Amino acid sequence: MGYVQTLAIVVASLVMIFSLFEPVDAKKPKIDRIKELQKLQENELLIELDKETFTRYIIEPSKRDYDVFIYYTLSKKCEHCVSIEGELKEVAYSYIQSDKHKPSDGSRPIFFAKVEYNDEKTGMFFAASDFSSVPILGFANSELKNEYYLNYHLTYIDKYLWKFSSQDFNDAGKLLEHVNKLSGENVEQKYTMYRIMAGNALIFSVIGVLFFFKDNIGSLLQNKYVWIVGTSLIFIQCVGGIAFNMIHKVPTFKYAQDSNGEVYIEEYFQKSQRSQYSGEGYMISMLMFTIGALMVVYTYVNRIKSQVKREVICLALIVAIFFGVTVLQTIFSMKASHYNPTFYPPEGYMKGPLSVDQGTNI
């Protein structure tokens, strides 16, 4: 058998062998990823990414034919993170109901996911994007610079990142407006069944209470203790800014994250006179109410028959009121630097015997 015949037999044998294998479609992994994400999105408003799934859906694809809004968060000890996540789920629900995760017009599917910080499991993904605080909403689209396998970097363009501060207005409507702007869509807000049911439950509860007390409302409104408690609650809520806090979703305090990923309260009071945290407002309103209540109690001290008890209680009330007013004044001076009255003499005040004492005689 000649050389040419031998070569022909070898080639024919190789062709027969390779024909037994199914052809590999280069696009199949991408299609599979989309189908997997679509299935996950229909079960979860925010797809929870761990080390394996983040790598599979965000890092591995060199050219993703889908976009993902990723919410970087920390649920433990971060009330602000949990609050924003609840509103973001409303946005995800609106997109899912509009079939943006499986569009029929050939546009890129859009998914919503979250990755929670864990030092051992997901911390490397936060470090890859130089994220040192939470919460953050990132838009992982085709412009995400993926250099993870080269130098462990995932670089978002600044306009595709929202690093939430404690003062950010972050209800579902505002988030939806932001997401629509980045995605180029015009999705209208849709409400989840949970939110609709919660609203209805509140309305029916109020109606039920009013119906139950319909025969006693007259006498109830004439009860002085009802008015005392009612006006006290109204004072605390109004001075604390309950309406503003509810409308603007004001965070309780300013949170920060230490080197270990633990979230702590960095600031209780804003130094700006024109802004405040919700917790700050309620603390001040409670302090003002307490001082006022102590002053009211002081007017009843004379009813105590025992002179010793009367004097001790009187002294205790004076000290408590003085302490409360001092704290209130300190906080107000911090927020309004132009305000600077004080109970104490100036630093240059010279003390001496009463006959030559410098100061105002009372």
Protein backbone atom coordinates (compact mmCIF):
# COMPACT_ATOMS: atom_id res chain seq x y z
CA MET A 1 0.00 0.00 0.00
CA GLY A 2 1.42 3.34 -1.04
CA TYR A 3 2.02 6.40 1.08
CA VAL A 4 -0.91 8.30 -0.46
CA GLN A 5 -3.35 5.44 0.16
CA THR A 6 -2.24 5.12 3.78
CA LEU A 7 -2.71 8.86 4.34
CA ALA A 8 -6.18 8.71 2.79
CA ILE A 9 -7.23 5.85 5.09
CA VAL A 10 -5.98 7.76 8.17
CA VAL A 11 -7.83 10.92 7.18
CA ALA A 12 -11.03 8.97 6.46
CA SER A 13 -10.76 7.23 9.83
CA LEU A 14 -10.33 10.55 11.65
CA VAL A 15 -13.34 11.99 9.83
CA MET A 16 -15.45 9.01 10.88
CA ILE A 17 -14.31 9.33 14.52
CA PHE A 18 -14.96 13.08 14.76
CA SER A 19 -18.34 12.67 13.09
CA LEU A 20 -19.48 10.74 16.16
CA PHE A 21 -19.19 13.90 18.31
CA GLU A 22 -21.96 16.51 18.33
CA PRO A 23 -20.92 19.94 17.07
CA VAL A 24 -20.39 22.51 19.80
CA ASP A 25 -22.34 25.71 19.42
CA ALA A 26 -20.14 28.61 20.59
CA LYS A 27 -23.20 30.63 21.53
CA LYS A 28 -24.82 27.91 23.61
CA PRO A 29 -23.25 28.93 26.97
CA LYS A 30 -24.56 32.47 26.53
CA ILE A 31 -28.03 31.26 25.68
CA ASP A 32 -27.95 28.90 28.63
CA ARG A 33 -26.95 31.73 30.95
CA ILE A 34 -29.85 33.86 29.79
CA LYS A 35 -32.31 31.01 30.26
CA GLU A 36 -30.88 30.28 33.70
CA LEU A 37 -31.13 33.93 34.72
CA GLN A 38 -34.68 34.16 33.36
CA LYS A 39 -35.69 31.17 35.47
CA LEU A 40 -34.00 32.61 38.55
CA GLN A 41 -35.53 36.06 37.98
CA GLU A 42 -39.03 34.61 37.85
CA ASN A 43 -38.45 33.04 41.28
CA GLU A 44 -36.61 35.93 42.94
CA LEU A 45 -37.11 39.67 42.57
CA LEU A 46 -33.40 40.09 43.32
CA ILE A 47 -31.29 37.10 42.23
CA GLU A 48 -28.95 36.34 45.13
CA LEU A 49 -25.42 35.94 43.80
CA ASP A 50 -22.81 33.97 45.69
CA LYS A 51 -19.20 33.31 44.75
CA GLU A 52 -20.09 30.67 42.15
CA THR A 53 -23.03 32.45 40.49
CA PHE A 54 -21.32 35.86 40.48
CA THR A 55 -18.40 34.26 38.67
CA ARG A 56 -20.67 32.42 36.24
CA TYR A 57 -22.94 35.30 35.25
CA ILE A 58 -20.77 38.39 35.73
CA ILE A 59 -17.10 37.44 35.40
CA GLU A 60 -16.88 34.45 33.04
CA PRO A 61 -18.77 35.82 30.01
CA SER A 62 -16.30 37.90 27.98
CA LYS A 63 -19.17 39.51 26.06
CA ARG A 64 -22.44 39.37 27.92
CA ASP A 65 -25.55 39.70 25.77
CA TYR A 66 -27.58 40.72 28.84
CA ASP A 67 -27.42 43.48 31.47
CA VAL A 68 -27.60 43.12 35.24
CA PHE A 69 -28.36 45.69 37.92
CA ILE A 70 -26.31 44.45 40.89
CA TYR A 71 -27.13 45.64 44.39
CA TYR A 72 -24.06 45.43 46.65
CA THR A 73 -25.35 45.23 50.19
CA LEU A 74 -24.93 44.10 53.76
CA SER A 75 -28.16 43.08 55.45
CA LYS A 76 -26.78 42.75 58.98
CA LYS A 77 -26.50 45.95 60.99
CA CYS A 78 -27.39 48.11 57.99
CA GLU A 79 -30.96 49.35 58.25
CA HIS A 80 -30.41 51.68 55.31
CA CYS A 81 -29.35 48.73 53.09
CA VAL A 82 -32.47 46.75 53.96
CA SER A 83 -34.69 49.78 53.35
CA ILE A 84 -33.29 50.40 49.87
CA GLU A 85 -33.45 46.68 49.02
CA GLY A 86 -37.18 46.66 49.73
CA GLU A 87 -37.71 49.59 47.34
CA LEU A 88 -35.41 48.06 44.70
CA LYS A 89 -37.52 44.91 44.73
CA GLU A 90 -40.48 47.06 43.65
CA VAL A 91 -38.40 48.28 40.71
CA ALA A 92 -37.40 44.71 39.81
CA TYR A 93 -41.05 43.66 40.00
CA SER A 94 -42.00 46.46 37.59
CA TYR A 95 -39.36 45.27 35.09
CA ILE A 96 -40.35 41.62 35.43
CA GLN A 97 -44.02 42.44 34.87
CA SER A 98 -42.96 44.33 31.74
CA ASP A 99 -41.04 41.22 30.52
CA LYS A 100 -37.75 43.10 30.31
CA HIS A 101 -35.94 39.94 31.45
CA LYS A 102 -37.22 38.13 28.34
CA PRO A 103 -37.91 40.83 25.74
CA SER A 104 -39.68 39.87 22.54
CA ASP A 105 -38.24 42.76 20.47
CA GLY A 106 -34.70 41.40 20.40
CA SER A 107 -33.30 43.90 22.91
CA ARG A 108 -30.87 42.91 25.65
CA PRO A 109 -32.51 41.17 28.63
CA ILE A 110 -32.26 43.07 31.92
CA PHE A 111 -31.92 41.29 35.25
CA PHE A 112 -31.78 42.39 38.88
CA ALA A 113 -29.47 40.75 41.40
CA LYS A 114 -27.81 41.37 44.74
CA VAL A 115 -24.54 40.30 46.28
CA GLU A 116 -24.17 40.46 50.04
CA TYR A 117 -20.79 41.18 51.55
CA ASN A 118 -19.04 38.23 53.12
CA ASP A 119 -15.36 38.52 53.88
CA GLU A 120 -14.53 34.95 52.84
CA LYS A 121 -17.09 34.28 50.09
CA THR A 122 -17.89 37.51 48.26
CA GLY A 123 -15.47 40.06 49.69
CA MET A 124 -13.16 39.71 46.68
CA PHE A 125 -15.85 41.05 44.35
CA PHE A 126 -16.27 44.18 46.47
CA ALA A 127 -12.48 44.63 46.51
CA ALA A 128 -12.29 44.11 42.73
CA SER A 129 -14.48 47.19 42.23
CA ASP A 130 -12.83 49.16 45.07
CA PHE A 131 -16.08 49.25 47.06
CA SER A 132 -15.39 50.13 50.68
CA SER A 133 -18.95 50.95 51.75
CA VAL A 134 -22.51 49.82 51.10
CA PRO A 135 -25.12 50.03 49.71
CA ILE A 136 -24.19 50.47 46.04
CA LEU A 137 -26.23 49.86 42.89
CA GLY A 138 -24.08 49.00 39.86
CA PHE A 139 -25.17 48.56 36.24
CA ALA A 140 -23.18 45.65 34.75
CA ASN A 141 -23.70 46.22 31.04
CA SER A 142 -21.43 45.85 28.01
CA GLU A 143 -19.28 48.77 29.21
CA LEU A 144 -18.27 47.03 32.43
CA LYS A 145 -14.49 46.63 32.17
CA ASN A 146 -13.87 43.05 33.19
CA GLU A 147 -10.22 42.42 34.06
CA TYR A 148 -10.86 40.02 36.91
CA TYR A 149 -8.81 37.14 35.53
CA LEU A 150 -6.00 39.52 34.55
CA ASN A 151 -5.58 41.74 37.63
CA TYR A 152 -8.71 41.14 39.76
CA HIS A 153 -10.45 44.34 38.65
CA LEU A 154 -14.08 45.03 37.75
CA THR A 155 -14.35 48.67 36.71
CA TYR A 156 -17.72 50.39 36.44
CA ILE A 157 -18.08 53.71 34.65
CA ASP A 158 -19.01 56.32 37.25
CA LYS A 159 -22.40 57.10 35.69
CA TYR A 160 -23.40 53.45 36.12
CA LEU A 161 -22.82 53.50 39.89
CA TRP A 162 -25.07 54.83 42.62
CA LYS A 163 -23.24 54.89 45.94
CA PHE A 164 -26.07 55.58 48.33
CA SER A 165 -25.47 58.02 51.14
CA SER A 166 -27.59 58.16 54.25
CA GLN A 167 -29.29 61.31 52.93
CA ASP A 168 -30.29 59.89 49.54
CA PHE A 169 -33.95 59.96 48.57
CA ASN A 170 -34.47 56.30 47.73
CA ASP A 171 -38.10 55.30 47.30
CA ALA A 172 -39.16 52.95 44.49
CA GLY A 173 -40.22 55.80 42.20
CA LYS A 174 -36.83 57.51 42.43
CA LEU A 175 -34.98 54.24 41.94
CA LEU A 176 -37.14 53.36 38.93
CA GLU A 177 -36.39 56.74 37.36
CA HIS A 178 -32.65 56.09 37.81
CA VAL A 179 -32.85 52.54 36.45
CA ASN A 180 -34.89 53.64 33.43
CA LYS A 181 -32.32 56.32 32.64
CA LEU A 182 -29.45 53.81 32.63
CA SER A 183 -31.27 51.04 30.80
CA GLY A 184 -32.91 53.33 28.25
CA GLU A 185 -36.32 51.84 29.04
CA ASN A 186 -39.54 53.56 30.06
CA VAL A 187 -41.02 51.05 32.50
CA GLU A 188 -43.92 52.28 34.61
CA GLN A 189 -44.10 51.45 38.29
CA LYS A 190 -46.16 48.43 39.25
CA TYR A 191 -46.92 47.46 42.82
CA THR A 192 -46.38 44.03 44.30
CA MET A 193 -49.30 42.15 45.81
CA TYR A 194 -47.65 42.46 49.23
CA ARG A 195 -47.62 46.27 49.06
CA ILE A 196 -51.20 46.41 47.80
CA MET A 197 -52.39 44.04 50.54
CA ALA A 198 -50.46 45.95 53.21
CA GLY A 199 -52.10 49.21 52.15
CA ASN A 200 -55.57 47.65 52.10
CA ALA A 201 -54.99 46.01 55.48
CA LEU A 202 -54.07 49.36 57.01
CA ILE A 203 -57.17 51.05 55.61
CA PHE A 204 -59.52 48.30 56.77
CA SER A 205 -57.86 48.22 60.20
CA VAL A 206 -58.51 51.93 60.71
CA ILE A 207 -62.12 51.52 59.56
CA GLY A 208 -62.56 48.53 61.88
CA VAL A 209 -61.20 50.40 64.90
CA LEU A 210 -63.47 53.37 64.23
CA PHE A 211 -66.47 51.06 63.82
CA PHE A 212 -65.66 49.21 67.05
CA PHE A 213 -65.42 52.44 69.06
CA LYS A 214 -68.29 54.23 67.31
CA ASP A 215 -70.44 54.22 70.46
CA ASN A 216 -67.60 55.35 72.71
CA ILE A 217 -65.94 58.01 70.57
CA GLY A 218 -67.85 60.85 72.25
CA SER A 219 -66.89 59.94 75.81
CA LEU A 220 -63.38 58.99 74.66
CA LEU A 221 -62.77 62.44 73.21
CA GLN A 222 -63.84 64.01 76.51
CA ASN A 223 -61.32 62.01 78.54
CA LYS A 224 -58.45 64.29 79.61
CA TYR A 225 -55.92 61.46 79.66
CA VAL A 226 -56.69 60.67 76.02
CA TRP A 227 -55.94 64.30 75.16
CA ILE A 228 -52.74 64.28 77.21
CA VAL A 229 -51.43 61.10 75.56
CA GLY A 230 -52.69 62.14 72.14
CA THR A 231 -51.15 65.62 72.19
CA SER A 232 -47.89 64.17 73.54
CA LEU A 233 -47.66 61.67 70.68
CA ILE A 234 -48.58 64.31 68.12
CA PHE A 235 -45.92 66.64 69.51
CA ILE A 236 -43.21 63.97 69.41
CA GLN A 237 -44.10 62.85 65.89
CA CYS A 238 -44.51 66.33 64.43
CA VAL A 239 -41.37 67.79 65.99
CA GLY A 240 -39.51 64.62 64.98
CA GLY A 241 -40.61 65.13 61.37
CA ILE A 242 -42.60 61.96 60.75
CA ALA A 243 -44.15 63.23 57.50
CA PHE A 244 -40.79 64.29 56.06
CA ASN A 245 -39.18 61.01 57.12
CA MET A 246 -41.93 58.91 55.54
CA ILE A 247 -41.99 60.85 52.26
CA HIS A 248 -38.22 61.00 51.80
CA LYS A 249 -37.30 57.66 53.41
CA VAL A 250 -34.85 59.39 55.71
CA PRO A 251 -32.34 56.94 57.26
CA THR A 252 -32.18 56.58 61.02
CA PHE A 253 -28.52 57.60 61.32
CA LYS A 254 -25.39 57.77 59.16
CA TYR A 255 -23.79 54.36 58.84
CA ALA A 256 -20.23 53.42 57.93
CA GLN A 257 -18.28 50.20 57.46
CA ASP A 258 -15.06 49.26 59.24
CA SER A 259 -12.15 47.26 57.81
CA ASN A 260 -13.85 43.99 58.81
CA GLY A 261 -17.04 44.82 56.95
CA GLU A 262 -19.00 45.54 60.13
CA VAL A 263 -21.47 48.41 59.89
CA TYR A 264 -21.58 50.96 62.71
CA ILE A 265 -23.27 54.31 63.35
CA GLU A 266 -20.79 56.98 62.29
CA GLU A 267 -22.93 60.03 63.00
CA TYR A 268 -26.04 60.64 65.09
CA PHE A 269 -26.55 64.33 64.32
CA GLN A 270 -25.99 66.17 61.07
CA LYS A 271 -24.14 69.42 61.55
CA SER A 272 -26.21 71.13 58.87
CA GLN A 273 -29.14 73.13 60.26
CA ARG A 274 -31.26 72.39 57.17
CA SER A 275 -31.08 68.59 57.32
CA GLN A 276 -31.38 65.81 59.86
CA TYR A 277 -31.61 62.04 60.34
CA SER A 278 -34.91 60.52 61.38
CA GLY A 279 -33.40 59.21 64.62
CA GLU A 280 -32.01 62.64 65.35
CA GLY A 281 -35.43 64.24 65.03
CA TYR A 282 -37.10 61.72 67.31
CA MET A 283 -34.33 62.03 69.91
CA ILE A 284 -34.75 65.81 70.01
CA SER A 285 -38.54 65.64 70.14
CA MET A 286 -38.40 63.10 72.98
CA LEU A 287 -35.89 65.26 74.84
CA MET A 288 -38.06 68.37 74.47
CA PHE A 289 -41.15 66.44 75.58
CA THR A 290 -39.32 65.04 78.60
CA ILE A 291 -38.12 68.49 79.67
CA GLY A 292 -41.64 69.89 79.32
CA ALA A 293 -43.14 66.96 81.23
CA LEU A 294 -40.64 67.48 84.08
CA MET A 295 -41.62 71.15 84.25
CA VAL A 296 -45.29 70.15 84.51
CA VAL A 297 -44.47 67.65 87.27
CA TYR A 298 -42.56 70.41 89.08
CA THR A 299 -45.79 72.40 89.44
CA TYR A 300 -47.32 69.52 91.45
CA VAL A 301 -44.44 69.20 93.94
CA ASN A 302 -46.18 71.44 96.51
CA ARG A 303 -48.91 68.81 96.88
CA ILE A 304 -46.46 66.50 98.64
CA LYS A 305 -47.03 66.81 102.37
CA SER A 306 -43.62 65.63 103.53
CA GLN A 307 -41.17 68.53 103.41
CA VAL A 308 -38.14 66.25 103.02
CA LYS A 309 -39.64 64.38 100.09
CA ARG A 310 -40.81 67.64 98.56
CA GLU A 311 -37.35 69.21 98.71
CA VAL A 312 -35.58 66.07 97.43
CA ILE A 313 -37.97 65.69 94.50
CA CYS A 314 -37.77 69.40 93.78
CA LEU A 315 -33.97 69.27 93.68
CA ALA A 316 -33.98 66.15 91.50
CA LEU A 317 -36.36 67.78 89.04
CA ILE A 318 -34.24 70.92 88.84
CA VAL A 319 -31.09 68.88 88.15
CA ALA A 320 -32.86 66.74 85.53
CA ILE A 321 -34.34 69.79 83.77
CA PHE A 322 -30.97 71.58 83.84
CA PHE A 323 -29.22 68.52 82.39
CA GLY A 324 -31.85 68.12 79.65
CA VAL A 325 -31.73 71.80 78.65
CA THR A 326 -27.92 71.69 78.59
CA VAL A 327 -27.92 68.66 76.25
CA LEU A 328 -30.54 70.29 74.04
CA GLN A 329 -28.55 73.52 73.90
CA THR A 330 -25.33 71.65 73.03
CA ILE A 331 -27.00 69.86 70.13
CA PHE A 332 -28.61 73.05 68.84
CA SER A 333 -25.30 74.94 69.09
CA MET A 334 -23.63 72.19 67.05
CA LYS A 335 -26.24 72.47 64.28
CA ALA A 336 -26.51 76.27 64.36
CA SER A 337 -23.07 77.71 65.01
CA HIS A 338 -24.41 81.29 65.25
CA TYR A 339 -26.39 80.32 68.36
CA ASN A 340 -24.13 80.65 71.40
CA PRO A 341 -25.90 81.50 74.68
CA THR A 342 -24.68 79.75 77.80
CA PHE A 343 -25.49 79.29 81.46
CA TYR A 344 -21.86 79.65 82.41
CA PRO A 345 -19.62 82.75 82.80
CA PRO A 346 -17.18 83.56 79.94
CA GLU A 347 -13.70 82.07 80.07
CA GLY A 348 -12.14 85.37 81.20
CA TYR A 349 -14.51 85.77 84.13
CA MET A 350 -12.70 86.60 87.41
CA LYS A 351 -14.18 85.10 90.53
CA GLY A 352 -13.89 86.59 93.99
CA PRO A 353 -15.79 87.36 97.19
CA LEU A 354 -19.39 88.53 96.78
CA SER A 355 -18.46 92.08 97.83
CA VAL A 356 -16.15 92.52 94.80
CA ASP A 357 -17.49 89.78 92.52
CA GLN A 358 -17.64 90.73 88.84
CA GLY A 359 -20.89 89.82 87.21
CA THR A 360 -24.60 90.45 87.27
CA ASN A 361 -26.34 90.41 90.64
CA ILE A 362 -29.65 88.56 90.55
